[in-house]
Protein backbone atom coordinates (compact mmCIF):
# COMPACT_ATOMS: atom_id res chain seq x y z
CA UNK A 1 0.00 0.00 0.00
CA UNK A 2 1.22 3.51 -0.80
CA UNK A 3 0.36 6.68 1.04
CA UNK A 4 -0.30 10.09 -0.41
CA UNK A 5 2.24 12.63 0.83
CA UNK A 6 0.85 16.16 0.96
CA UNK A 7 2.97 19.19 0.15
CA UNK A 8 2.30 22.90 -0.11
CA UNK A 9 5.62 24.34 -1.29
CA UNK A 10 8.72 23.65 -3.35
CA UNK A 11 10.70 22.74 -0.22
CA UNK A 12 8.05 20.26 0.89
CA UNK A 13 7.90 18.66 -2.56
CA UNK A 14 11.68 18.26 -2.58
CA UNK A 15 11.61 16.72 0.90
CA UNK A 16 8.78 14.33 -0.04
CA UNK A 17 10.54 13.19 -3.21
CA UNK A 18 13.84 12.67 -1.38
CA UNK A 19 11.95 10.51 1.13
CA UNK A 20 10.65 8.35 -1.73
CA UNK A 21 7.07 9.59 -2.10
CA UNK A 22 5.43 8.05 -5.14
CA UNK A 23 2.00 9.65 -4.63
CA UNK A 24 2.17 13.39 -4.10
CA UNK A 25 -0.78 15.59 -3.18
CA UNK A 26 -0.39 19.33 -3.56
CA UNK A 27 -2.70 21.66 -1.72
CA UNK A 28 -3.65 24.74 -3.72
CA UNK A 29 -4.90 26.52 -0.61
CA UNK A 30 -2.51 28.79 1.25
CA UNK A 31 -2.90 27.64 4.82
CA UNK A 32 -1.92 31.07 6.18
CA UNK A 33 -4.57 33.22 4.47
CA UNK A 34 -6.77 30.53 2.82
CA UNK A 35 -6.45 31.98 -0.68
CA UNK A 36 -6.42 29.44 -3.49
CA UNK A 37 -3.92 29.36 -6.36
CA UNK A 38 -4.55 26.57 -8.87
CA UNK A 39 -1.18 27.40 -10.40
CA UNK A 40 0.46 25.90 -7.32
CA UNK A 41 -0.25 22.40 -8.59
CA UNK A 42 1.05 23.23 -12.05
CA UNK A 43 4.28 24.78 -10.75
CA UNK A 44 4.95 21.93 -8.34
CA UNK A 45 4.02 19.21 -10.85
CA UNK A 46 7.00 20.27 -12.91
CA UNK A 47 9.28 19.35 -9.98
CA UNK A 48 8.10 15.75 -9.73
CA UNK A 49 9.17 12.87 -11.99
CA UNK A 50 6.61 11.81 -14.58
CA UNK A 51 6.02 8.49 -12.82
CA UNK A 52 4.99 10.20 -9.57
CA UNK A 53 1.21 10.06 -9.16
CA UNK A 54 0.31 13.71 -8.73
CA UNK A 55 -2.92 14.83 -7.05
CA UNK A 56 -4.15 18.43 -7.02
CA UNK A 57 -6.11 19.36 -3.89
CA UNK A 58 -8.37 22.26 -2.90
CA UNK A 59 -10.08 24.99 -4.87
CA UNK A 60 -11.10 22.86 -7.84
CA UNK A 61 -14.51 24.19 -8.81
CA UNK A 62 -15.07 23.79 -12.54
CA UNK A 63 -14.56 21.46 -15.48
CA UNK A 64 -12.18 24.09 -16.85
CA UNK A 65 -10.04 23.79 -13.69
CA UNK A 66 -9.83 20.03 -14.21
CA UNK A 67 -9.05 20.40 -17.91
CA UNK A 68 -6.16 22.78 -17.19
CA UNK A 69 -4.77 20.48 -14.52
CA UNK A 70 -5.07 17.46 -16.81
CA UNK A 71 -3.26 19.31 -19.61
CA UNK A 72 -0.45 19.98 -17.13
CA UNK A 73 0.02 16.28 -16.31
CA UNK A 74 -1.90 16.25 -13.02
CA UNK A 75 -3.08 12.66 -12.56
CA UNK A 76 -5.96 13.15 -10.14
CA UNK A 77 -7.90 15.75 -8.20
CA UNK A 78 -9.25 15.78 -4.68
CA UNK A 79 -12.56 17.63 -4.59
CA UNK A 80 -14.41 18.24 -1.37
CA UNK A 81 -15.88 21.69 -0.90
CA UNK A 82 -17.30 22.02 -4.42
CA UNK A 83 -19.28 18.81 -4.06
CA UNK A 84 -20.25 19.36 -0.43
CA UNK A 85 -21.70 22.80 -1.19
CA UNK A 86 -23.71 21.56 -4.18
CA UNK A 87 -27.36 20.70 -3.56
CA UNK A 88 -27.17 18.10 -6.37
CA UNK A 89 -23.95 16.12 -5.92
CA UNK A 90 -24.54 13.89 -8.93
CA UNK A 91 -25.08 16.84 -11.28
CA UNK A 92 -22.04 18.65 -9.85
CA UNK A 93 -19.85 15.58 -10.38
CA UNK A 94 -21.14 15.24 -13.93
CA UNK A 95 -20.30 18.87 -14.63
CA UNK A 96 -16.79 18.43 -13.23
CA UNK A 97 -16.23 15.28 -15.30
CA UNK A 98 -16.90 17.28 -18.45
CA UNK A 99 -13.39 18.71 -18.04
CA UNK A 100 -11.74 15.43 -18.96
CA UNK A 101 -14.05 14.04 -21.62
PDB file of N, CA and C in Angstrom:
ATOM      1  N   UNK A   1       0.839  -1.158   0.000  1.00  0.00           N
ATOM      2  CA  UNK A   1       0.000   0.000   0.000  1.00  0.00           C
ATOM      3  C   UNK A   1       0.894   1.233   0.000  1.00  0.00           C
ATOM      4  N   UNK A   2       0.493   2.237  -0.760  1.00  0.00           N
ATOM      5  CA  UNK A   2       1.222   3.505  -0.805  1.00  0.00           C
ATOM      6  C   UNK A   2       0.379   4.582  -0.146  1.00  0.00           C
ATOM      7  N   UNK A   3       1.056   5.557   0.403  1.00  0.00           N
ATOM      8  CA  UNK A   3       0.363   6.675   1.045  1.00  0.00           C
ATOM      9  C   UNK A   3       0.582   7.941   0.237  1.00  0.00           C
ATOM     10  N   UNK A   4      -0.427   8.786   0.206  1.00  0.00           N
ATOM     11  CA  UNK A   4      -0.303  10.093  -0.413  1.00  0.00           C
ATOM     12  C   UNK A   4       0.457  10.995   0.553  1.00  0.00           C
ATOM     13  N   UNK A   5       1.477  11.664   0.047  1.00  0.00           N
ATOM     14  CA  UNK A   5       2.239  12.629   0.830  1.00  0.00           C
ATOM     15  C   UNK A   5       1.813  14.012   0.383  1.00  0.00           C
ATOM     16  N   UNK A   6       1.326  14.820   1.324  1.00  0.00           N
ATOM     17  CA  UNK A   6       0.849  16.155   0.962  1.00  0.00           C
ATOM     18  C   UNK A   6       1.959  17.185   1.101  1.00  0.00           C
ATOM     19  N   UNK A   7       1.991  18.100   0.145  1.00  0.00           N
ATOM     20  CA  UNK A   7       2.967  19.187   0.147  1.00  0.00           C
ATOM     21  C   UNK A   7       2.261  20.486  -0.227  1.00  0.00           C
ATOM     22  N   UNK A   8       2.860  21.578   0.192  1.00  0.00           N
ATOM     23  CA  UNK A   8       2.302  22.897  -0.111  1.00  0.00           C
ATOM     24  C   UNK A   8       3.300  23.798  -0.820  1.00  0.00           C
ATOM     25  N   UNK A   9       4.581  23.457  -0.771  1.00  0.00           N
ATOM     26  CA  UNK A   9       5.620  24.342  -1.288  1.00  0.00           C
ATOM     27  C   UNK A   9       6.710  23.543  -1.997  1.00  0.00           C
ATOM     28  N   UNK A  10       7.597  24.279  -2.663  1.00  0.00           N
ATOM     29  CA  UNK A  10       8.717  23.651  -3.349  1.00  0.00           C
ATOM     30  C   UNK A  10       9.576  22.845  -2.372  1.00  0.00           C
ATOM     31  N   UNK A  11       9.868  23.436  -1.215  1.00  0.00           N
ATOM     32  CA  UNK A  11      10.704  22.743  -0.219  1.00  0.00           C
ATOM     33  C   UNK A  11      10.048  21.449   0.244  1.00  0.00           C
ATOM     34  N   UNK A  12       8.738  21.470   0.442  1.00  0.00           N
ATOM     35  CA  UNK A  12       8.049  20.263   0.894  1.00  0.00           C
ATOM     36  C   UNK A  12       8.012  19.204  -0.200  1.00  0.00           C
ATOM     37  N   UNK A  13       7.867  19.623  -1.452  1.00  0.00           N
ATOM     38  CA  UNK A  13       7.904  18.658  -2.557  1.00  0.00           C
ATOM     39  C   UNK A  13       9.278  18.014  -2.629  1.00  0.00           C
ATOM     40  N   UNK A  14      10.333  18.806  -2.553  1.00  0.00           N
ATOM     41  CA  UNK A  14      11.684  18.263  -2.579  1.00  0.00           C
ATOM     42  C   UNK A  14      11.894  17.259  -1.453  1.00  0.00           C
ATOM     43  N   UNK A  15      11.461  17.608  -0.267  1.00  0.00           N
ATOM     44  CA  UNK A  15      11.609  16.720   0.897  1.00  0.00           C
ATOM     45  C   UNK A  15      10.835  15.410   0.693  1.00  0.00           C
ATOM     46  N   UNK A  16       9.607  15.518   0.187  1.00  0.00           N
ATOM     47  CA  UNK A  16       8.784  14.327  -0.042  1.00  0.00           C
ATOM     48  C   UNK A  16       9.418  13.413  -1.086  1.00  0.00           C
ATOM     49  N   UNK A  17       9.921  13.994  -2.158  1.00  0.00           N
ATOM     50  CA  UNK A  17      10.545  13.189  -3.207  1.00  0.00           C
ATOM     51  C   UNK A  17      11.822  12.528  -2.716  1.00  0.00           C
ATOM     52  N   UNK A  18      12.623  13.253  -1.940  1.00  0.00           N
ATOM     53  CA  UNK A  18      13.842  12.666  -1.381  1.00  0.00           C
ATOM     54  C   UNK A  18      13.524  11.510  -0.442  1.00  0.00           C
ATOM     55  N   UNK A  19      12.363  11.574   0.210  1.00  0.00           N
ATOM     56  CA  UNK A  19      11.951  10.510   1.126  1.00  0.00           C
ATOM     57  C   UNK A  19      11.342   9.320   0.386  1.00  0.00           C
ATOM     58  N   UNK A  20      11.161   9.466  -0.940  1.00  0.00           N
ATOM     59  CA  UNK A  20      10.654   8.348  -1.735  1.00  0.00           C
ATOM     60  C   UNK A  20       9.163   8.371  -2.017  1.00  0.00           C
ATOM     61  N   UNK A  21       8.513   9.506  -1.832  1.00  0.00           N
ATOM     62  CA  UNK A  21       7.067   9.595  -2.102  1.00  0.00           C
ATOM     63  C   UNK A  21       6.788   9.248  -3.561  1.00  0.00           C
ATOM     64  N   UNK A  22       5.822   8.362  -3.772  1.00  0.00           N
ATOM     65  CA  UNK A  22       5.430   8.048  -5.142  1.00  0.00           C
ATOM     66  C   UNK A  22       4.014   8.517  -5.457  1.00  0.00           C
ATOM     67  N   UNK A  23       3.302   9.008  -4.440  1.00  0.00           N
ATOM     68  CA  UNK A  23       2.005   9.649  -4.628  1.00  0.00           C
ATOM     69  C   UNK A  23       2.083  10.987  -3.902  1.00  0.00           C
ATOM     70  N   UNK A  24       1.972  12.059  -4.653  1.00  0.00           N
ATOM     71  CA  UNK A  24       2.168  13.387  -4.098  1.00  0.00           C
ATOM     72  C   UNK A  24       0.899  14.210  -4.265  1.00  0.00           C
ATOM     73  N   UNK A  25       0.381  14.710  -3.152  1.00  0.00           N
ATOM     74  CA  UNK A  25      -0.782  15.589  -3.182  1.00  0.00           C
ATOM     75  C   UNK A  25      -0.337  17.007  -2.902  1.00  0.00           C
ATOM     76  N   UNK A  26      -0.760  17.932  -3.746  1.00  0.00           N
ATOM     77  CA  UNK A  26      -0.389  19.329  -3.558  1.00  0.00           C
ATOM     78  C   UNK A  26      -1.639  20.150  -3.275  1.00  0.00           C
ATOM     79  N   UNK A  27      -1.589  20.825  -2.148  1.00  0.00           N
ATOM     80  CA  UNK A  27      -2.698  21.659  -1.718  1.00  0.00           C
ATOM     81  C   UNK A  27      -2.575  23.025  -2.382  1.00  0.00           C
ATOM     82  N   UNK A  28      -3.630  23.444  -3.054  1.00  0.00           N
ATOM     83  CA  UNK A  28      -3.652  24.744  -3.724  1.00  0.00           C
ATOM     84  C   UNK A  28      -4.058  25.875  -2.780  1.00  0.00           C
ATOM     85  N   UNK A  29      -4.464  25.524  -1.574  1.00  0.00           N
ATOM     86  CA  UNK A  29      -4.905  26.523  -0.609  1.00  0.00           C
ATOM     87  C   UNK A  29      -3.732  26.943   0.274  1.00  0.00           C
ATOM     88  N   UNK A  30      -3.516  28.242   0.350  1.00  0.00           N
ATOM     89  CA  UNK A  30      -2.507  28.793   1.246  1.00  0.00           C
ATOM     90  C   UNK A  30      -3.054  28.663   2.664  1.00  0.00           C
ATOM     91  N   UNK A  31      -2.384  27.920   3.486  1.00  0.00           N
ATOM     92  CA  UNK A  31      -2.897  27.644   4.825  1.00  0.00           C
ATOM     93  C   UNK A  31      -2.717  28.808   5.793  1.00  0.00           C
ATOM     94  N   UNK A  32      -2.075  29.882   5.342  1.00  0.00           N
ATOM     95  CA  UNK A  32      -1.924  31.073   6.184  1.00  0.00           C
ATOM     96  C   UNK A  32      -3.074  32.055   5.986  1.00  0.00           C
ATOM     97  N   UNK A  33      -3.488  32.249   4.720  1.00  0.00           N
ATOM     98  CA  UNK A  33      -4.568  33.218   4.467  1.00  0.00           C
ATOM     99  C   UNK A  33      -5.771  32.604   3.734  1.00  0.00           C
ATOM    100  N   UNK A  34      -5.696  31.317   3.437  1.00  0.00           N
ATOM    101  CA  UNK A  34      -6.765  30.525   2.822  1.00  0.00           C
ATOM    102  C   UNK A  34      -7.114  30.923   1.391  1.00  0.00           C
ATOM    103  N   UNK A  35      -6.245  31.708   0.743  1.00  0.00           N
ATOM    104  CA  UNK A  35      -6.446  31.976  -0.677  1.00  0.00           C
ATOM    105  C   UNK A  35      -6.111  30.710  -1.453  1.00  0.00           C
ATOM    106  N   UNK A  36      -6.642  30.613  -2.659  1.00  0.00           N
ATOM    107  CA  UNK A  36      -6.423  29.437  -3.493  1.00  0.00           C
ATOM    108  C   UNK A  36      -5.718  29.863  -4.773  1.00  0.00           C
ATOM    109  N   UNK A  37      -4.670  29.121  -5.129  1.00  0.00           N
ATOM    110  CA  UNK A  37      -3.922  29.361  -6.358  1.00  0.00           C
ATOM    111  C   UNK A  37      -3.779  28.026  -7.077  1.00  0.00           C
ATOM    112  N   UNK A  38      -4.589  27.825  -8.106  1.00  0.00           N
ATOM    113  CA  UNK A  38      -4.545  26.574  -8.867  1.00  0.00           C
ATOM    114  C   UNK A  38      -3.188  26.388  -9.552  1.00  0.00           C
ATOM    115  N   UNK A  39      -2.493  27.479  -9.790  1.00  0.00           N
ATOM    116  CA  UNK A  39      -1.176  27.397 -10.399  1.00  0.00           C
ATOM    117  C   UNK A  39      -0.156  26.700  -9.519  1.00  0.00           C
ATOM    118  N   UNK A  40      -0.450  26.589  -8.238  1.00  0.00           N
ATOM    119  CA  UNK A  40       0.461  25.903  -7.324  1.00  0.00           C
ATOM    120  C   UNK A  40       0.688  24.459  -7.769  1.00  0.00           C
ATOM    121  N   UNK A  41      -0.385  23.783  -8.122  1.00  0.00           N
ATOM    122  CA  UNK A  41      -0.247  22.398  -8.590  1.00  0.00           C
ATOM    123  C   UNK A  41       0.567  22.324  -9.872  1.00  0.00           C
ATOM    124  N   UNK A  42       0.336  23.251 -10.764  1.00  0.00           N
ATOM    125  CA  UNK A  42       1.048  23.230 -12.048  1.00  0.00           C
ATOM    126  C   UNK A  42       2.541  23.491 -11.836  1.00  0.00           C
ATOM    127  N   UNK A  43       2.868  24.478 -11.026  1.00  0.00           N
ATOM    128  CA  UNK A  43       4.281  24.777 -10.746  1.00  0.00           C
ATOM    129  C   UNK A  43       4.974  23.591 -10.088  1.00  0.00           C
ATOM    130  N   UNK A  44       4.317  23.013  -9.093  1.00  0.00           N
ATOM    131  CA  UNK A  44       4.952  21.934  -8.341  1.00  0.00           C
ATOM    132  C   UNK A  44       4.959  20.619  -9.110  1.00  0.00           C
ATOM    133  N   UNK A  45       4.022  20.440 -10.030  1.00  0.00           N
ATOM    134  CA  UNK A  45       4.017  19.215 -10.854  1.00  0.00           C
ATOM    135  C   UNK A  45       5.299  19.122 -11.651  1.00  0.00           C
ATOM    136  N   UNK A  46       5.784  20.252 -12.093  1.00  0.00           N
ATOM    137  CA  UNK A  46       6.995  20.266 -12.907  1.00  0.00           C
ATOM    138  C   UNK A  46       8.222  19.809 -12.131  1.00  0.00           C
ATOM    139  N   UNK A  47       8.157  19.786 -10.818  1.00  0.00           N
ATOM    140  CA  UNK A  47       9.278  19.346  -9.984  1.00  0.00           C
ATOM    141  C   UNK A  47       9.322  17.830  -9.817  1.00  0.00           C
ATOM    142  N   UNK A  48       8.204  17.179 -10.020  1.00  0.00           N
ATOM    143  CA  UNK A  48       8.095  15.745  -9.733  1.00  0.00           C
ATOM    144  C   UNK A  48       8.343  14.913 -10.989  1.00  0.00           C
ATOM    145  N   UNK A  49       8.983  13.761 -10.838  1.00  0.00           N
ATOM    146  CA  UNK A  49       9.175  12.869 -11.990  1.00  0.00           C
ATOM    147  C   UNK A  49       7.830  12.467 -12.594  1.00  0.00           C
ATOM    148  N   UNK A  50       7.850  12.160 -13.873  1.00  0.00           N
ATOM    149  CA  UNK A  50       6.614  11.814 -14.585  1.00  0.00           C
ATOM    150  C   UNK A  50       5.907  10.613 -13.976  1.00  0.00           C
ATOM    151  N   UNK A  51       6.651   9.689 -13.379  1.00  0.00           N
ATOM    152  CA  UNK A  51       6.022   8.492 -12.823  1.00  0.00           C
ATOM    153  C   UNK A  51       5.466   8.698 -11.412  1.00  0.00           C
ATOM    154  N   UNK A  52       5.596   9.888 -10.864  1.00  0.00           N
ATOM    155  CA  UNK A  52       4.986  10.202  -9.573  1.00  0.00           C
ATOM    156  C   UNK A  52       3.502  10.473  -9.798  1.00  0.00           C
ATOM    157  N   UNK A  53       2.652   9.780  -9.068  1.00  0.00           N
ATOM    158  CA  UNK A  53       1.214  10.056  -9.156  1.00  0.00           C
ATOM    159  C   UNK A  53       0.988  11.394  -8.468  1.00  0.00           C
ATOM    160  N   UNK A  54       0.429  12.343  -9.210  1.00  0.00           N
ATOM    161  CA  UNK A  54       0.312  13.710  -8.726  1.00  0.00           C
ATOM    162  C   UNK A  54      -1.159  14.077  -8.584  1.00  0.00           C
ATOM    163  N   UNK A  55      -1.528  14.505  -7.380  1.00  0.00           N
ATOM    164  CA  UNK A  55      -2.918  14.831  -7.053  1.00  0.00           C
ATOM    165  C   UNK A  55      -3.011  16.309  -6.686  1.00  0.00           C
ATOM    166  N   UNK A  56      -3.910  17.026  -7.342  1.00  0.00           N
ATOM    167  CA  UNK A  56      -4.155  18.429  -7.019  1.00  0.00           C
ATOM    168  C   UNK A  56      -5.311  18.496  -6.030  1.00  0.00           C
ATOM    169  N   UNK A  57      -5.121  19.281  -4.967  1.00  0.00           N
ATOM    170  CA  UNK A  57      -6.106  19.358  -3.887  1.00  0.00           C
ATOM    171  C   UNK A  57      -6.529  20.801  -3.635  1.00  0.00           C
ATOM    172  N   UNK A  58      -7.788  20.999  -3.368  1.00  0.00           N
ATOM    173  CA  UNK A  58      -8.369  22.264  -2.904  1.00  0.00           C
ATOM    174  C   UNK A  58      -8.585  23.283  -4.015  1.00  0.00           C
ATOM    175  N   UNK A  59      -9.749  23.883  -3.979  1.00  0.00           N
ATOM    176  CA  UNK A  59     -10.079  24.987  -4.867  1.00  0.00           C
ATOM    177  C   UNK A  59     -10.523  24.595  -6.257  1.00  0.00           C
ATOM    178  N   UNK A  60     -10.691  23.325  -6.517  1.00  0.00           N
ATOM    179  CA  UNK A  60     -11.097  22.865  -7.844  1.00  0.00           C
ATOM    180  C   UNK A  60     -12.612  22.976  -7.921  1.00  0.00           C
ATOM    181  N   UNK A  61     -13.078  23.873  -8.789  1.00  0.00           N
ATOM    182  CA  UNK A  61     -14.506  24.191  -8.810  1.00  0.00           C
ATOM    183  C   UNK A  61     -15.198  23.916 -10.138  1.00  0.00           C
ATOM    184  N   UNK A  62     -14.438  23.877 -11.227  1.00  0.00           N
ATOM    185  CA  UNK A  62     -15.072  23.788 -12.543  1.00  0.00           C
ATOM    186  C   UNK A  62     -14.415  22.724 -13.416  1.00  0.00           C
ATOM    187  N   UNK A  63     -15.120  22.371 -14.484  1.00  0.00           N
ATOM    188  CA  UNK A  63     -14.562  21.458 -15.476  1.00  0.00           C
ATOM    189  C   UNK A  63     -13.331  22.082 -16.121  1.00  0.00           C
ATOM    190  N   UNK A  64     -13.331  23.389 -16.276  1.00  0.00           N
ATOM    191  CA  UNK A  64     -12.177  24.086 -16.849  1.00  0.00           C
ATOM    192  C   UNK A  64     -10.948  23.924 -15.946  1.00  0.00           C
ATOM    193  N   UNK A  65     -11.141  24.010 -14.630  1.00  0.00           N
ATOM    194  CA  UNK A  65     -10.035  23.786 -13.693  1.00  0.00           C
ATOM    195  C   UNK A  65      -9.442  22.402 -13.914  1.00  0.00           C
ATOM    196  N   UNK A  66     -10.296  21.404 -14.026  1.00  0.00           N
ATOM    197  CA  UNK A  66      -9.835  20.028 -14.207  1.00  0.00           C
ATOM    198  C   UNK A  66      -9.129  19.867 -15.546  1.00  0.00           C
ATOM    199  N   UNK A  67      -9.673  20.490 -16.591  1.00  0.00           N
ATOM    200  CA  UNK A  67      -9.051  20.401 -17.914  1.00  0.00           C
ATOM    201  C   UNK A  67      -7.636  20.980 -17.887  1.00  0.00           C
ATOM    202  N   UNK A  68      -7.477  22.143 -17.268  1.00  0.00           N
ATOM    203  CA  UNK A  68      -6.164  22.781 -17.195  1.00  0.00           C
ATOM    204  C   UNK A  68      -5.183  21.910 -16.408  1.00  0.00           C
ATOM    205  N   UNK A  69      -5.631  21.358 -15.305  1.00  0.00           N
ATOM    206  CA  UNK A  69      -4.765  20.481 -14.515  1.00  0.00           C
ATOM    207  C   UNK A  69      -4.371  19.241 -15.316  1.00  0.00           C
ATOM    208  N   UNK A  70      -5.332  18.645 -15.990  1.00  0.00           N
ATOM    209  CA  UNK A  70      -5.072  17.459 -16.813  1.00  0.00           C
ATOM    210  C   UNK A  70      -4.046  17.765 -17.904  1.00  0.00           C
ATOM    211  N   UNK A  71      -4.199  18.914 -18.551  1.00  0.00           N
ATOM    212  CA  UNK A  71      -3.262  19.315 -19.609  1.00  0.00           C
ATOM    213  C   UNK A  71      -1.852  19.537 -19.064  1.00  0.00           C
ATOM    214  N   UNK A  72      -1.749  19.762 -17.763  1.00  0.00           N
ATOM    215  CA  UNK A  72      -0.452  19.976 -17.126  1.00  0.00           C
ATOM    216  C   UNK A  72       0.027  18.745 -16.371  1.00  0.00           C
ATOM    217  N   UNK A  73      -0.449  17.582 -16.799  1.00  0.00           N
ATOM    218  CA  UNK A  73       0.024  16.283 -16.311  1.00  0.00           C
ATOM    219  C   UNK A  73      -0.327  15.966 -14.858  1.00  0.00           C
ATOM    220  N   UNK A  74      -1.382  16.607 -14.349  1.00  0.00           N
ATOM    221  CA  UNK A  74      -1.896  16.248 -13.024  1.00  0.00           C
ATOM    222  C   UNK A  74      -2.725  14.985 -13.211  1.00  0.00           C
ATOM    223  N   UNK A  75      -2.457  13.970 -12.389  1.00  0.00           N
ATOM    224  CA  UNK A  75      -3.084  12.662 -12.561  1.00  0.00           C
ATOM    225  C   UNK A  75      -4.466  12.542 -11.935  1.00  0.00           C
ATOM    226  N   UNK A  76      -4.691  13.287 -10.864  1.00  0.00           N
ATOM    227  CA  UNK A  76      -5.957  13.153 -10.141  1.00  0.00           C
ATOM    228  C   UNK A  76      -6.246  14.449  -9.392  1.00  0.00           C
ATOM    229  N   UNK A  77      -7.496  14.590  -8.989  1.00  0.00           N
ATOM    230  CA  UNK A  77      -7.902  15.752  -8.199  1.00  0.00           C
ATOM    231  C   UNK A  77      -8.653  15.277  -6.964  1.00  0.00           C
ATOM    232  N   UNK A  78      -8.513  16.035  -5.914  1.00  0.00           N
ATOM    233  CA  UNK A  78      -9.250  15.778  -4.682  1.00  0.00           C
ATOM    234  C   UNK A  78     -10.237  16.930  -4.531  1.00  0.00           C
ATOM    235  N   UNK A  79     -11.512  16.606  -4.618  1.00  0.00           N
ATOM    236  CA  UNK A  79     -12.556  17.633  -4.592  1.00  0.00           C
ATOM    237  C   UNK A  79     -13.447  17.384  -3.392  1.00  0.00           C
ATOM    238  N   UNK A  80     -13.559  18.365  -2.550  1.00  0.00           N
ATOM    239  CA  UNK A  80     -14.410  18.245  -1.372  1.00  0.00           C
ATOM    240  C   UNK A  80     -15.445  19.343  -1.321  1.00  0.00           C
ATOM    241  N   UNK A  81     -14.980  20.558  -1.127  1.00  0.00           N
ATOM    242  CA  UNK A  81     -15.877  21.690  -0.902  1.00  0.00           C
ATOM    243  C   UNK A  81     -16.868  21.893  -2.035  1.00  0.00           C
ATOM    244  N   UNK A  82     -16.411  21.799  -3.270  1.00  0.00           N
ATOM    245  CA  UNK A  82     -17.295  22.022  -4.416  1.00  0.00           C
ATOM    246  C   UNK A  82     -18.469  21.047  -4.391  1.00  0.00           C
ATOM    247  N   UNK A  83     -18.194  19.796  -4.107  1.00  0.00           N
ATOM    248  CA  UNK A  83     -19.280  18.806  -4.057  1.00  0.00           C
ATOM    249  C   UNK A  83     -20.133  18.962  -2.804  1.00  0.00           C
ATOM    250  N   UNK A  84     -19.498  19.236  -1.686  1.00  0.00           N
ATOM    251  CA  UNK A  84     -20.250  19.359  -0.434  1.00  0.00           C
ATOM    252  C   UNK A  84     -21.212  20.546  -0.457  1.00  0.00           C
ATOM    253  N   UNK A  85     -20.843  21.615  -1.141  1.00  0.00           N
ATOM    254  CA  UNK A  85     -21.701  22.804  -1.193  1.00  0.00           C
ATOM    255  C   UNK A  85     -22.824  22.683  -2.236  1.00  0.00           C
ATOM    256  N   UNK A  86     -22.711  21.718  -3.121  1.00  0.00           N
ATOM    257  CA  UNK A  86     -23.708  21.558  -4.179  1.00  0.00           C
ATOM    258  C   UNK A  86     -24.952  20.849  -3.659  1.00  0.00           C
ATOM    259  N   UNK A  87     -26.130  21.376  -3.977  1.00  0.00           N
ATOM    260  CA  UNK A  87     -27.358  20.697  -3.561  1.00  0.00           C
ATOM    261  C   UNK A  87     -27.598  19.402  -4.345  1.00  0.00           C
ATOM    262  N   UNK A  88     -27.019  19.298  -5.542  1.00  0.00           N
ATOM    263  CA  UNK A  88     -27.172  18.101  -6.374  1.00  0.00           C
ATOM    264  C   UNK A  88     -25.779  17.555  -6.678  1.00  0.00           C
ATOM    265  N   UNK A  89     -25.311  16.657  -5.824  1.00  0.00           N
ATOM    266  CA  UNK A  89     -23.950  16.122  -5.918  1.00  0.00           C
ATOM    267  C   UNK A  89     -23.711  15.398  -7.245  1.00  0.00           C
ATOM    268  N   UNK A  90     -24.688  14.645  -7.690  1.00  0.00           N
ATOM    269  CA  UNK A  90     -24.538  13.891  -8.926  1.00  0.00           C
ATOM    270  C   UNK A  90     -24.379  14.835 -10.117  1.00  0.00           C
ATOM    271  N   UNK A  91     -25.186  15.874 -10.185  1.00  0.00           N
ATOM    272  CA  UNK A  91     -25.076  16.840 -11.278  1.00  0.00           C
ATOM    273  C   UNK A  91     -23.744  17.589 -11.212  1.00  0.00           C
ATOM    274  N   UNK A  92     -23.307  17.943 -10.012  1.00  0.00           N
ATOM    275  CA  UNK A  92     -22.035  18.645  -9.854  1.00  0.00           C
ATOM    276  C   UNK A  92     -20.879  17.772 -10.311  1.00  0.00           C
ATOM    277  N   UNK A  93     -20.905  16.497  -9.954  1.00  0.00           N
ATOM    278  CA  UNK A  93     -19.853  15.584 -10.376  1.00  0.00           C
ATOM    279  C   UNK A  93     -19.860  15.423 -11.896  1.00  0.00           C
ATOM    280  N   UNK A  94     -21.032  15.325 -12.474  1.00  0.00           N
ATOM    281  CA  UNK A  94     -21.136  15.241 -13.933  1.00  0.00           C
ATOM    282  C   UNK A  94     -20.562  16.463 -14.615  1.00  0.00           C
ATOM    283  N   UNK A  95     -20.833  17.633 -14.054  1.00  0.00           N
ATOM    284  CA  UNK A  95     -20.301  18.873 -14.634  1.00  0.00           C
ATOM    285  C   UNK A  95     -18.788  18.907 -14.522  1.00  0.00           C
ATOM    286  N   UNK A  96     -18.244  18.465 -13.409  1.00  0.00           N
ATOM    287  CA  UNK A  96     -16.788  18.427 -13.229  1.00  0.00           C
ATOM    288  C   UNK A  96     -16.148  17.436 -14.195  1.00  0.00           C
ATOM    289  N   UNK A  97     -16.777  16.300 -14.398  1.00  0.00           N
ATOM    290  CA  UNK A  97     -16.227  15.280 -15.304  1.00  0.00           C
ATOM    291  C   UNK A  97     -16.148  15.757 -16.739  1.00  0.00           C
ATOM    292  N   UNK A  98     -16.932  16.751 -17.089  1.00  0.00           N
ATOM    293  CA  UNK A  98     -16.904  17.279 -18.454  1.00  0.00           C
ATOM    294  C   UNK A  98     -15.538  17.857 -18.800  1.00  0.00           C
ATOM    295  N   UNK A  99     -14.725  18.149 -17.801  1.00  0.00           N
ATOM    296  CA  UNK A  99     -13.394  18.707 -18.039  1.00  0.00           C
ATOM    297  C   UNK A  99     -12.402  17.713 -18.589  1.00  0.00           C
ATOM    298  N   UNK A 100     -12.701  16.426 -18.492  1.00  0.00           N
ATOM    299  CA  UNK A 100     -11.737  15.428 -18.964  1.00  0.00           C
ATOM    300  C   UNK A 100     -12.275  14.558 -20.086  1.00  0.00           C
ATOM    301  N   UNK A 101     -13.463  14.845 -20.542  1.00  0.00           N
ATOM    302  CA  UNK A 101     -14.049  14.040 -21.615  1.00  0.00           C
ATOM    303  C   UNK A 101     -13.635  14.572 -22.958  1.00  0.00           C
TER     304      UNK A 101
END
